[in-house]
N, C-alpha and C. Protein backbone atom coordinates (compact mmCIF):
# COMPACT_ATOMS: atom_id res chain seq x y z
N UNK A 1 12.49 -8.86 -28.31
CA UNK A 1 11.32 -8.05 -29.05
C UNK A 1 11.60 -6.57 -28.71
N UNK A 2 12.31 -6.18 -29.54
CA UNK A 2 12.69 -4.56 -29.18
C UNK A 2 11.27 -3.67 -29.36
N UNK A 3 10.40 -4.07 -30.08
CA UNK A 3 9.15 -3.22 -30.42
C UNK A 3 8.18 -3.66 -29.56
N UNK A 4 8.30 -4.46 -28.81
CA UNK A 4 7.21 -4.98 -27.93
C UNK A 4 6.61 -3.73 -27.04
N UNK A 5 5.16 -4.05 -26.75
CA UNK A 5 4.72 -2.95 -25.59
C UNK A 5 4.33 -3.57 -24.39
N UNK A 6 4.50 -3.10 -23.46
CA UNK A 6 4.07 -3.59 -22.09
C UNK A 6 2.75 -3.47 -21.82
N UNK A 7 1.92 -3.93 -21.54
CA UNK A 7 0.31 -3.97 -21.50
C UNK A 7 -0.08 -4.48 -20.22
N UNK A 8 -0.52 -3.84 -19.34
CA UNK A 8 -1.11 -4.28 -18.13
C UNK A 8 -2.70 -4.46 -18.01
N UNK A 9 -3.07 -5.63 -17.97
CA UNK A 9 -4.57 -5.70 -18.00
C UNK A 9 -5.51 -5.79 -16.72
N UNK A 10 -6.72 -5.51 -16.66
CA UNK A 10 -7.46 -5.89 -15.40
C UNK A 10 -7.32 -7.05 -14.56
N UNK A 11 -7.42 -8.14 -15.18
CA UNK A 11 -7.21 -9.67 -14.98
C UNK A 11 -5.82 -9.67 -13.81
N UNK A 12 -4.74 -9.02 -14.56
CA UNK A 12 -3.36 -9.56 -13.84
C UNK A 12 -3.32 -8.56 -12.76
N UNK A 13 -3.83 -7.10 -12.73
CA UNK A 13 -4.09 -6.58 -11.80
C UNK A 13 -4.96 -7.03 -10.26
N UNK A 14 -6.12 -7.29 -10.74
CA UNK A 14 -6.94 -7.98 -9.54
C UNK A 14 -6.29 -9.32 -9.01
N UNK A 15 -5.76 -9.94 -10.03
CA UNK A 15 -5.02 -11.36 -9.36
C UNK A 15 -4.04 -10.57 -8.51
N UNK A 16 -2.99 -9.78 -8.71
CA UNK A 16 -1.62 -9.42 -7.96
C UNK A 16 -2.44 -8.72 -6.64
N UNK A 17 -3.23 -8.01 -6.47
CA UNK A 17 -3.82 -7.80 -5.37
C UNK A 17 -4.52 -8.76 -4.49
N UNK A 18 -5.19 -9.52 -5.21
CA UNK A 18 -5.87 -10.61 -4.54
C UNK A 18 -4.77 -11.76 -3.81
N UNK A 19 -3.50 -11.77 -4.38
CA UNK A 19 -2.56 -12.60 -4.01
C UNK A 19 -1.78 -11.95 -2.64
N UNK A 20 -1.44 -10.86 -2.85
CA UNK A 20 -1.10 -9.72 -1.91
C UNK A 20 -2.14 -9.84 -0.52
N UNK A 21 -3.50 -9.97 -0.74
CA UNK A 21 -4.35 -10.03 0.35
C UNK A 21 -4.14 -11.28 1.06
N UNK A 22 -4.08 -12.16 0.22
CA UNK A 22 -4.04 -13.79 0.49
C UNK A 22 -2.78 -13.95 1.34
N UNK A 23 -1.89 -13.52 0.92
CA UNK A 23 -0.17 -13.70 1.43
C UNK A 23 -0.45 -12.82 3.10
N UNK A 24 -0.89 -11.69 2.78
CA UNK A 24 -0.98 -11.31 4.37
C UNK A 24 -1.99 -11.83 5.45
N UNK A 25 -2.90 -12.40 4.78
CA UNK A 25 -4.00 -13.30 5.71
C UNK A 25 -3.36 -14.53 5.92
N UNK A 26 -2.50 -15.36 5.47
CA UNK A 26 -1.63 -16.16 6.10
C UNK A 26 -0.64 -15.68 6.99
N UNK A 27 -0.02 -14.52 6.76
CA UNK A 27 1.00 -13.98 7.57
C UNK A 27 0.27 -13.90 8.98
N UNK A 28 -0.98 -13.15 8.94
CA UNK A 28 -1.88 -12.76 10.22
C UNK A 28 -1.99 -14.11 10.95
N UNK A 29 -2.64 -15.35 10.09
CA UNK A 29 -3.04 -16.61 10.66
C UNK A 29 -1.89 -17.36 11.47
N UNK A 30 -0.48 -17.16 10.89
CA UNK A 30 0.59 -17.67 11.65
C UNK A 30 0.91 -17.08 13.14
N UNK A 31 0.66 -16.02 13.09
CA UNK A 31 0.47 -15.14 14.20
C UNK A 31 -0.60 -15.58 15.48
N UNK A 32 -1.39 -16.09 15.19
CA UNK A 32 -2.81 -16.33 15.79
C UNK A 32 -2.67 -17.92 16.37
N UNK A 33 -3.10 -18.40 17.40
CA UNK A 33 -3.21 -19.95 17.89
C UNK A 33 -3.97 -20.43 16.85
N UNK A 34 -3.57 -21.69 16.76
CA UNK A 34 -4.54 -22.80 15.89
C UNK A 34 -5.72 -22.80 16.35
N UNK A 35 -6.05 -23.08 17.56
CA UNK A 35 -7.27 -23.18 18.09
C UNK A 35 -8.14 -21.93 18.28
N UNK A 36 -7.33 -20.96 18.04
CA UNK A 36 -8.28 -19.45 18.45
C UNK A 36 -9.51 -19.53 17.44
N UNK A 37 -10.43 -18.78 17.59
CA UNK A 37 -11.57 -18.38 17.09
C UNK A 37 -11.40 -17.60 15.71
N UNK A 38 -10.57 -16.49 15.67
CA UNK A 38 -10.15 -15.60 14.85
C UNK A 38 -9.44 -16.59 13.68
N UNK A 39 -8.42 -17.72 14.02
CA UNK A 39 -7.87 -18.58 13.24
C UNK A 39 -8.68 -19.20 12.31
N UNK A 40 -9.80 -19.53 13.04
CA UNK A 40 -10.59 -20.41 12.56
C UNK A 40 -11.50 -19.76 11.52
N UNK A 41 -11.76 -18.45 11.47
CA UNK A 41 -12.75 -17.70 10.94
C UNK A 41 -11.68 -17.46 9.27
N UNK A 42 -10.54 -16.82 9.85
CA UNK A 42 -9.75 -16.72 8.61
C UNK A 42 -9.15 -17.84 7.82
N UNK A 43 -9.14 -19.08 8.22
CA UNK A 43 -8.57 -20.27 7.67
C UNK A 43 -10.04 -21.20 6.70
N UNK A 44 -11.07 -21.35 7.57
CA UNK A 44 -11.94 -22.00 7.33
C UNK A 44 -12.95 -21.50 6.01
N UNK A 45 -13.39 -19.93 6.17
CA UNK A 45 -14.01 -19.46 5.32
C UNK A 45 -12.99 -18.55 4.15
N UNK A 46 -11.98 -18.95 4.02
CA UNK A 46 -11.13 -18.09 2.98
C UNK A 46 -11.52 -17.59 1.93
N UNK A 47 -12.80 -18.48 0.93
CA UNK A 47 -13.21 -17.94 -0.05
C UNK A 47 -14.21 -17.00 0.04
N UNK A 48 -14.83 -16.79 1.29
CA UNK A 48 -15.75 -15.31 1.45
C UNK A 48 -14.82 -14.38 1.38
N UNK A 49 -13.73 -14.10 1.71
CA UNK A 49 -12.89 -13.05 1.62
C UNK A 49 -12.40 -12.93 0.14
N UNK A 50 -12.79 -13.55 -0.50
CA UNK A 50 -12.21 -13.45 -2.30
C UNK A 50 -13.52 -12.74 -3.05
N UNK A 51 -14.58 -13.24 -2.39
CA UNK A 51 -15.81 -12.59 -2.89
C UNK A 51 -15.75 -11.00 -2.85
N UNK A 52 -16.77 -10.30 -3.88
CA UNK A 52 -17.06 -8.93 -3.42
C UNK A 52 -18.15 -8.86 -2.13
N UNK A 53 -17.68 -7.83 -1.16
CA UNK A 53 -18.65 -7.90 -0.17
C UNK A 53 -20.00 -7.79 -0.31
N UNK A 54 -20.40 -6.78 -1.44
CA UNK A 54 -21.72 -6.59 -1.57
C UNK A 54 -22.47 -7.86 -2.02
N UNK A 55 -21.93 -8.75 -2.44
CA UNK A 55 -22.40 -9.99 -2.87
C UNK A 55 -22.57 -10.91 -2.02
N UNK A 56 -22.09 -10.60 -0.67
CA UNK A 56 -21.95 -11.70 0.49
C UNK A 56 -23.55 -11.61 0.89
N UNK A 57 -23.95 -12.84 1.40
CA UNK A 57 -25.47 -12.70 1.77
C UNK A 57 -25.44 -12.14 3.44
N UNK A 58 -26.48 -11.30 3.57
CA UNK A 58 -26.33 -10.48 4.73
C UNK A 58 -27.41 -11.06 5.67
N UNK A 59 -28.32 -11.74 5.28
CA UNK A 59 -29.69 -12.23 6.08
C UNK A 59 -29.80 -13.45 6.39
N UNK A 60 -29.22 -14.48 5.35
CA UNK A 60 -29.68 -15.88 5.86
C UNK A 60 -28.47 -16.60 6.66
N UNK A 61 -28.76 -16.79 7.89
CA UNK A 61 -27.75 -17.34 8.56
C UNK A 61 -27.60 -18.83 8.52
N UNK A 62 -26.18 -19.41 8.92
CA UNK A 62 -26.38 -20.92 8.91
C UNK A 62 -25.30 -21.04 10.31
N UNK A 63 -25.75 -22.24 10.91
CA UNK A 63 -25.04 -22.62 12.09
C UNK A 63 -23.72 -23.36 11.59
N UNK A 64 -22.66 -22.70 12.45
CA UNK A 64 -21.08 -23.22 12.26
C UNK A 64 -20.87 -24.22 13.50
N UNK A 65 -20.78 -25.71 13.20
CA UNK A 65 -20.48 -26.17 14.23
C UNK A 65 -19.10 -26.22 14.65
N UNK A 66 -18.30 -25.42 14.38
CA UNK A 66 -16.91 -25.54 14.63
C UNK A 66 -17.05 -24.21 15.77
N UNK A 67 -17.61 -23.12 15.43
CA UNK A 67 -17.48 -21.98 16.03
C UNK A 67 -18.95 -21.98 17.07
N UNK A 68 -19.95 -22.89 16.92
CA UNK A 68 -21.09 -23.04 17.67
C UNK A 68 -21.78 -21.73 17.65
N UNK A 69 -21.87 -21.37 16.70
CA UNK A 69 -22.85 -19.84 16.58
C UNK A 69 -23.41 -19.82 15.19
N UNK A 70 -24.54 -19.15 15.09
CA UNK A 70 -24.93 -19.07 13.43
C UNK A 70 -24.45 -17.68 13.30
N UNK A 71 -24.04 -17.75 12.04
CA UNK A 71 -23.44 -16.42 11.29
C UNK A 71 -24.15 -16.40 9.85
N UNK A 72 -24.03 -15.19 9.39
CA UNK A 72 -24.19 -14.86 7.81
C UNK A 72 -22.99 -14.56 7.41
N UNK A 73 -22.66 -15.28 5.99
CA UNK A 73 -21.29 -15.06 5.53
C UNK A 73 -20.87 -13.39 5.79
N UNK A 74 -21.46 -12.45 5.44
CA UNK A 74 -21.05 -11.11 5.82
C UNK A 74 -20.38 -11.10 7.22
N UNK A 75 -21.30 -11.49 8.45
CA UNK A 75 -20.91 -11.51 9.47
C UNK A 75 -19.31 -12.11 9.90
N UNK A 76 -19.18 -13.47 9.38
CA UNK A 76 -18.10 -14.01 9.37
C UNK A 76 -17.07 -13.24 8.88
N UNK A 77 -17.00 -12.52 7.61
CA UNK A 77 -16.17 -11.68 7.26
C UNK A 77 -15.62 -10.43 8.06
N UNK A 78 -16.74 -9.91 8.56
CA UNK A 78 -16.59 -8.90 9.87
C UNK A 78 -15.80 -9.36 10.93
N UNK A 79 -16.14 -10.29 11.35
CA UNK A 79 -15.50 -10.70 12.59
C UNK A 79 -14.08 -11.52 12.33
N UNK A 80 -13.91 -11.90 11.27
CA UNK A 80 -12.42 -12.32 10.86
C UNK A 80 -11.69 -11.18 10.85
N UNK A 81 -12.18 -9.91 10.20
CA UNK A 81 -11.22 -8.56 9.97
C UNK A 81 -11.12 -7.86 11.09
N UNK A 82 -11.73 -8.14 12.45
CA UNK A 82 -11.72 -7.53 13.52
C UNK A 82 -10.51 -7.99 14.21
N UNK A 83 -9.65 -9.06 13.98
CA UNK A 83 -8.36 -9.48 14.77
C UNK A 83 -7.68 -8.58 14.44
N UNK A 84 -7.16 -8.00 13.15
CA UNK A 84 -6.13 -7.11 12.75
C UNK A 84 -6.39 -5.80 11.87
N UNK A 85 -6.06 -4.76 12.51
CA UNK A 85 -6.64 -3.55 11.73
C UNK A 85 -5.55 -3.34 10.21
N UNK A 86 -4.67 -4.03 10.40
CA UNK A 86 -3.85 -3.95 8.93
C UNK A 86 -4.85 -4.79 8.06
N UNK A 87 -5.28 -6.01 8.45
CA UNK A 87 -5.78 -6.72 7.58
C UNK A 87 -6.96 -6.15 7.16
N UNK A 88 -7.83 -5.52 7.88
CA UNK A 88 -9.14 -4.90 7.66
C UNK A 88 -8.55 -3.96 6.65
N UNK A 89 -7.77 -2.89 6.85
CA UNK A 89 -7.41 -2.01 5.91
C UNK A 89 -6.89 -2.73 4.34
N UNK A 90 -6.29 -3.83 4.50
CA UNK A 90 -5.93 -4.30 3.23
C UNK A 90 -6.92 -4.95 2.55
N UNK A 91 -8.24 -5.76 3.39
CA UNK A 91 -9.17 -6.05 2.74
C UNK A 91 -10.13 -4.98 2.00
N UNK A 92 -10.26 -3.78 2.78
CA UNK A 92 -10.98 -2.78 2.21
C UNK A 92 -10.19 -2.09 0.76
N UNK A 93 -8.99 -2.13 0.86
CA UNK A 93 -8.37 -1.82 -0.28
C UNK A 93 -8.54 -2.46 -1.61
N UNK A 94 -8.45 -3.91 -1.01
CA UNK A 94 -8.76 -4.79 -2.20
C UNK A 94 -10.07 -4.58 -2.82
N UNK A 95 -11.11 -4.37 -1.91
CA UNK A 95 -12.56 -4.28 -2.24
C UNK A 95 -12.74 -3.24 -3.23
N UNK A 96 -12.13 -1.69 -2.63
CA UNK A 96 -11.97 -0.71 -3.52
C UNK A 96 -11.58 -0.78 -4.87
N UNK A 97 -10.28 -1.76 -4.95
CA UNK A 97 -9.86 -1.45 -6.14
C UNK A 97 -10.65 -2.42 -7.03
N UNK A 98 -11.28 -3.58 -6.78
CA UNK A 98 -11.95 -4.36 -7.43
C UNK A 98 -13.20 -3.45 -8.04
N UNK A 99 -13.68 -2.77 -7.25
CA UNK A 99 -15.01 -1.65 -7.23
C UNK A 99 -14.57 -0.87 -8.40
N UNK A 100 -13.59 -0.27 -8.36
CA UNK A 100 -12.90 0.63 -9.39
C UNK A 100 -12.58 0.21 -10.63
N UNK A 101 -12.32 -0.99 -10.68
CA UNK A 101 -12.22 -1.48 -12.10
C UNK A 101 -13.30 -2.25 -13.01
N UNK A 102 -14.43 -2.36 -11.76
CA UNK A 102 -15.42 -3.03 -12.37
C UNK A 102 -16.17 -1.93 -13.67
């Protein structure tokens, strides 16, 4: 199609950023021991990292049997991101990017 126009839409931009974050999160997890607390936070609660941070519940705690500690979803994300500074920066970029497009 010689007259076709390339179009970049929001959905595919967000999808690309999310996939990049997921790939980096998996790389960080592979560097951690499978029994480590950080590994469990990054693997078990992967869906929380995909939500908008402002939508995470910050006050209602639930008890995690695996970690043996009560946490809020926001605390889980914060604790998981503490294990790697680059992972935190990547997460912050992903969140800023999504907010900028909204």
